[in-house]
Amino acid sequence: MQINILKAQKNDLVTILQLQKDCYLSEAEIYNDYEIQPLTQDLESLEKEFENSIILKSVINGEIAGSIRGYEAEGTAYIGKLIVRSDHQNKGIGRKLMVAIETSFKDCNRFELFTGFKSEKNLYLYNKIGYSEFKRKIIDDNLTLVYLEKIK
C-alpha cells in the first residue's frame, strides 16, 4: 500500500470536510456532544482556514484517506484536525501526517496541539511521537482539553 502525503488543493476541501465529519463522530460519541466544531464546521469556514494554513492530505489508491492542518504564529506551529479514515487507521498514516505537517513548519521550534482527555488513542499517538502535556483546560463537566507540545 503506497501512502502519498500531499498538500491539499481547494477542490479537495469538500472531501476533507466530509471525512472530518465522519472521523469526529467517534469523538462526539466519547463526549456525548454532537455540536463539536469539527462536526459543525461548514465549507465556507474550511475555505477560510485553507487560505491561512497548511492542509495536507494522505492519498491511497487515488482516494483521500486522511488529513491534517496547521498554521504558524510567533514561532509555534499549531496543529489540528488529524483525521484518518476508519478503514485505514492503525497503519501509520496518522504518524506520517504528523511528520509531514511538522516538516512543513521547518522554521518553527515548537509544535502545539490539543485533544480531549478521554481520547486515549490520540493521547497515545501524540506521546509516542514526542509530545508532552503542558496544560489542561476544563470546557464543561464532560470535556477537558489536554494541550500538548513538542519542542525541537
C-alpha atoms as a PDB file:
ATOM      1  CA  MET A   1       0.000   0.000   0.000  1.00  0.00           C
ATOM      2  CA  GLN A   2       1.520   3.284  -1.100  1.00  0.00           C
ATOM      3  CA  ILE A   3       0.678   6.313   1.027  1.00  0.00           C
ATOM      4  CA  ASN A   4       1.302   9.720  -0.513  1.00  0.00           C
ATOM      5  CA  ILE A   5       1.231  12.837   1.651  1.00  0.00           C
ATOM      6  CA  LEU A   6       0.459  15.903  -0.447  1.00  0.00           C
ATOM      7  CA  LYS A   7      -0.608  19.484   0.037  1.00  0.00           C
ATOM      8  CA  ALA A   8      -4.391  19.657  -0.253  1.00  0.00           C
ATOM      9  CA  GLN A   9      -5.894  21.679  -3.071  1.00  0.00           C
ATOM     10  CA  LYS A  10      -9.025  23.786  -2.822  1.00  0.00           C
ATOM     11  CA  ASN A  11     -11.003  21.169  -4.764  1.00  0.00           C
ATOM     12  CA  ASP A  12     -10.145  18.602  -2.032  1.00  0.00           C
ATOM     13  CA  LEU A  13     -11.947  20.542   0.683  1.00  0.00           C
ATOM     14  CA  VAL A  14     -15.410  19.027   0.213  1.00  0.00           C
ATOM     15  CA  THR A  15     -13.952  15.519   0.577  1.00  0.00           C
ATOM     16  CA  ILE A  16     -11.787  16.540   3.547  1.00  0.00           C
ATOM     17  CA  LEU A  17     -14.750  18.160   5.293  1.00  0.00           C
ATOM     18  CA  GLN A  18     -16.879  15.029   4.856  1.00  0.00           C
ATOM     19  CA  LEU A  19     -14.015  12.839   6.098  1.00  0.00           C
ATOM     20  CA  GLN A  20     -13.584  15.175   9.076  1.00  0.00           C
ATOM     21  CA  LYS A  21     -17.253  14.789   9.983  1.00  0.00           C
ATOM     22  CA  ASP A  22     -17.065  11.001   9.611  1.00  0.00           C
ATOM     23  CA  CYS A  23     -13.916  10.775  11.740  1.00  0.00           C
ATOM     24  CA  TYR A  24     -15.096  13.081  14.508  1.00  0.00           C
ATOM     25  CA  LEU A  25     -18.326  11.144  15.065  1.00  0.00           C
ATOM     26  CA  SER A  26     -16.376   8.780  17.322  1.00  0.00           C
ATOM     27  CA  GLU A  27     -15.119  11.768  19.340  1.00  0.00           C
ATOM     28  CA  ALA A  28     -18.666  13.109  19.613  1.00  0.00           C
ATOM     29  CA  GLU A  29     -19.773   9.718  20.936  1.00  0.00           C
ATOM     30  CA  ILE A  30     -16.999   9.672  23.572  1.00  0.00           C
ATOM     31  CA  TYR A  31     -18.112  13.049  24.923  1.00  0.00           C
ATOM     32  CA  ASN A  32     -21.821  12.732  24.061  1.00  0.00           C
ATOM     33  CA  ASP A  33     -21.593  16.089  22.270  1.00  0.00           C
ATOM     34  CA  TYR A  34     -22.588  16.271  18.627  1.00  0.00           C
ATOM     35  CA  GLU A  35     -22.119  20.040  18.418  1.00  0.00           C
ATOM     36  CA  ILE A  36     -18.314  19.937  18.469  1.00  0.00           C
ATOM     37  CA  GLN A  37     -16.674  22.276  15.957  1.00  0.00           C
ATOM     38  CA  PRO A  38     -15.361  19.543  13.622  1.00  0.00           C
ATOM     39  CA  LEU A  39     -18.938  18.306  13.123  1.00  0.00           C
ATOM     40  CA  THR A  40     -20.500  21.738  12.689  1.00  0.00           C
ATOM     41  CA  GLN A  41     -17.798  23.325  10.518  1.00  0.00           C
ATOM     42  CA  ASP A  42     -19.084  24.347   7.100  1.00  0.00           C
ATOM     43  CA  LEU A  43     -17.299  24.558   3.762  1.00  0.00           C
ATOM     44  CA  GLU A  44     -17.011  28.357   3.863  1.00  0.00           C
ATOM     45  CA  SER A  45     -15.193  28.175   7.197  1.00  0.00           C
ATOM     46  CA  LEU A  46     -12.853  25.460   5.895  1.00  0.00           C
ATOM     47  CA  GLU A  47     -12.119  27.536   2.787  1.00  0.00           C
ATOM     48  CA  LYS A  48     -11.065  30.449   5.029  1.00  0.00           C
ATOM     49  CA  GLU A  49      -8.876  28.077   7.008  1.00  0.00           C
ATOM     50  CA  PHE A  50      -7.359  26.859   3.725  1.00  0.00           C
ATOM     51  CA  GLU A  51      -6.249  30.421   2.923  1.00  0.00           C
ATOM     52  CA  ASN A  52      -4.469  30.870   6.271  1.00  0.00           C
ATOM     53  CA  SER A  53      -2.990  27.465   7.000  1.00  0.00           C
ATOM     54  CA  ILE A  54      -1.357  24.407   5.528  1.00  0.00           C
ATOM     55  CA  ILE A  55      -3.695  21.491   4.909  1.00  0.00           C
ATOM     56  CA  LEU A  56      -2.175  18.151   3.975  1.00  0.00           C
ATOM     57  CA  LYS A  57      -3.883  15.019   2.723  1.00  0.00           C
ATOM     58  CA  SER A  58      -2.890  11.373   2.633  1.00  0.00           C
ATOM     59  CA  VAL A  59      -3.799   9.643  -0.604  1.00  0.00           C
ATOM     60  CA  ILE A  60      -4.098   5.884  -1.053  1.00  0.00           C
ATOM     61  CA  ASN A  61      -5.108   4.424  -4.418  1.00  0.00           C
ATOM     62  CA  GLY A  62      -6.208   7.869  -5.593  1.00  0.00           C
ATOM     63  CA  GLU A  63      -8.527   8.475  -2.623  1.00  0.00           C
ATOM     64  CA  ILE A  64      -8.092  10.832   0.320  1.00  0.00           C
ATOM     65  CA  ALA A  65      -7.634   8.639   3.397  1.00  0.00           C
ATOM     66  CA  GLY A  66      -6.579  11.287   5.898  1.00  0.00           C
ATOM     67  CA  SER A  67      -5.732  14.911   6.520  1.00  0.00           C
ATOM     68  CA  ILE A  68      -4.091  17.297   8.955  1.00  0.00           C
ATOM     69  CA  ARG A  69      -3.749  21.049   9.137  1.00  0.00           C
ATOM     70  CA  GLY A  70      -1.713  23.672  10.878  1.00  0.00           C
ATOM     71  CA  TYR A  71      -0.687  27.297  10.983  1.00  0.00           C
ATOM     72  CA  GLU A  72       2.248  29.244  12.427  1.00  0.00           C
ATOM     73  CA  ALA A  73       2.167  32.085  14.923  1.00  0.00           C
ATOM     74  CA  GLU A  74       5.179  33.539  16.752  1.00  0.00           C
ATOM     75  CA  GLY A  75       7.436  30.552  16.116  1.00  0.00           C
ATOM     76  CA  THR A  76       4.880  27.930  17.139  1.00  0.00           C
ATOM     77  CA  ALA A  77       3.092  25.626  14.717  1.00  0.00           C
ATOM     78  CA  TYR A  78      -0.471  24.972  15.850  1.00  0.00           C
ATOM     79  CA  ILE A  79      -1.561  21.572  14.579  1.00  0.00           C
ATOM     80  CA  GLY A  80      -5.098  20.290  14.381  1.00  0.00           C
ATOM     81  CA  LYS A  81      -7.689  18.052  12.816  1.00  0.00           C
ATOM     82  CA  LEU A  82      -5.588  14.923  12.354  1.00  0.00           C
ATOM     83  CA  ILE A  83      -8.049  12.561  10.693  1.00  0.00           C
ATOM     84  CA  VAL A  84      -7.677   9.118   9.138  1.00  0.00           C
ATOM     85  CA  ARG A  85     -10.475   7.146   7.524  1.00  0.00           C
ATOM     86  CA  SER A  86     -11.564   4.322   9.840  1.00  0.00           C
ATOM     87  CA  ASP A  87     -10.605   1.545   7.409  1.00  0.00           C
ATOM     88  CA  HIS A  88      -7.055   2.937   7.220  1.00  0.00           C
ATOM     89  CA  GLN A  89      -6.413   3.510  10.927  1.00  0.00           C
ATOM     90  CA  ASN A  90      -3.537   1.778  12.730  1.00  0.00           C
ATOM     91  CA  LYS A  91      -1.438   1.659   9.551  1.00  0.00           C
ATOM     92  CA  GLY A  92       0.935   4.527  10.378  1.00  0.00           C
ATOM     93  CA  ILE A  93      -0.923   7.164   8.358  1.00  0.00           C
ATOM     94  CA  GLY A  94      -1.533   9.438  11.342  1.00  0.00           C
ATOM     95  CA  ARG A  95       2.148   9.331  12.244  1.00  0.00           C
ATOM     96  CA  LYS A  96       3.130  10.101   8.630  1.00  0.00           C
ATOM     97  CA  LEU A  97       0.747  13.056   8.534  1.00  0.00           C
ATOM     98  CA  MET A  98       2.198  14.359  11.811  1.00  0.00           C
ATOM     99  CA  VAL A  99       5.766  14.100  10.498  1.00  0.00           C
ATOM    100  CA  ALA A 100       4.746  15.820   7.261  1.00  0.00           C
ATOM    101  CA  ILE A 101       2.993  18.733   8.980  1.00  0.00           C
ATOM    102  CA  GLU A 102       5.942  19.235  11.335  1.00  0.00           C
ATOM    103  CA  THR A 103       8.274  19.238   8.317  1.00  0.00           C
ATOM    104  CA  SER A 104       6.043  21.855   6.659  1.00  0.00           C
ATOM    105  CA  PHE A 105       6.862  24.206   9.540  1.00  0.00           C
ATOM    106  CA  LYS A 106      10.634  23.723   9.498  1.00  0.00           C
ATOM    107  CA  ASP A 107      11.273  27.223  10.897  1.00  0.00           C
ATOM    108  CA  CYS A 108       9.162  26.560  13.999  1.00  0.00           C
ATOM    109  CA  ASN A 109      10.855  25.455  17.202  1.00  0.00           C
ATOM    110  CA  ARG A 110       7.641  24.442  18.939  1.00  0.00           C
ATOM    111  CA  PHE A 111       4.554  22.477  17.946  1.00  0.00           C
ATOM    112  CA  GLU A 112       1.276  22.603  19.859  1.00  0.00           C
ATOM    113  CA  LEU A 113      -1.968  20.669  19.627  1.00  0.00           C
ATOM    114  CA  PHE A 114      -4.858  19.625  21.836  1.00  0.00           C
ATOM    115  CA  THR A 115      -7.264  16.748  22.236  1.00  0.00           C
ATOM    116  CA  GLY A 116      -9.932  15.670  24.668  1.00  0.00           C
ATOM    117  CA  PHE A 117      -8.861  13.986  27.894  1.00  0.00           C
ATOM    118  CA  LYS A 118     -10.870  10.832  27.081  1.00  0.00           C
ATOM    119  CA  SER A 119      -9.341  10.489  23.594  1.00  0.00           C
ATOM    120  CA  GLU A 120      -6.911   7.741  24.569  1.00  0.00           C
ATOM    121  CA  LYS A 121      -5.830   6.776  21.034  1.00  0.00           C
ATOM    122  CA  ASN A 122      -4.940  10.393  20.259  1.00  0.00           C
ATOM    123  CA  LEU A 123      -3.031  10.859  23.513  1.00  0.00           C
ATOM    124  CA  TYR A 124      -1.152   7.601  22.922  1.00  0.00           C
ATOM    125  CA  LEU A 125      -0.063   8.645  19.417  1.00  0.00           C
ATOM    126  CA  TYR A 126       0.974  12.153  20.428  1.00  0.00           C
ATOM    127  CA  ASN A 127       3.003  10.913  23.397  1.00  0.00           C
ATOM    128  CA  LYS A 128       4.625   8.232  21.244  1.00  0.00           C
ATOM    129  CA  ILE A 129       5.887  10.822  18.745  1.00  0.00           C
ATOM    130  CA  GLY A 130       7.346  13.155  21.353  1.00  0.00           C
ATOM    131  CA  TYR A 131       4.536  15.423  22.524  1.00  0.00           C
ATOM    132  CA  SER A 132       4.184  16.213  26.230  1.00  0.00           C
ATOM    133  CA  GLU A 133       1.209  17.578  28.113  1.00  0.00           C
ATOM    134  CA  PHE A 134       1.708  21.123  29.363  1.00  0.00           C
ATOM    135  CA  LYS A 135      -1.790  22.176  30.442  1.00  0.00           C
ATOM    136  CA  ARG A 136      -5.428  21.190  30.735  1.00  0.00           C
ATOM    137  CA  LYS A 137      -8.443  23.385  30.153  1.00  0.00           C
ATOM    138  CA  ILE A 138     -11.849  22.483  31.556  1.00  0.00           C
ATOM    139  CA  ILE A 139     -14.543  23.248  28.987  1.00  0.00           C
ATOM    140  CA  ASP A 140     -17.503  21.788  30.890  1.00  0.00           C
ATOM    141  CA  ASP A 141     -18.360  18.872  33.197  1.00  0.00           C
ATOM    142  CA  ASN A 142     -17.842  16.394  30.371  1.00  0.00           C
ATOM    143  CA  LEU A 143     -14.857  17.840  28.498  1.00  0.00           C
ATOM    144  CA  THR A 144     -11.355  18.781  29.481  1.00  0.00           C
ATOM    145  CA  LEU A 145      -8.878  19.615  26.728  1.00  0.00           C
ATOM    146  CA  VAL A 146      -5.325  18.330  27.046  1.00  0.00           C
ATOM    147  CA  TYR A 147      -2.750  20.646  25.457  1.00  0.00           C
ATOM    148  CA  LEU A 148       0.467  19.027  24.269  1.00  0.00           C
ATOM    149  CA  GLU A 149       3.682  20.458  22.896  1.00  0.00           C
ATOM    150  CA  LYS A 150       6.847  19.290  21.233  1.00  0.00           C
ATOM    151  CA  ILE A 151       9.991  21.398  21.380  1.00  0.00           C
ATOM    152  CA  LYS A 152      12.707  20.938  18.735  1.00  0.00           C
END
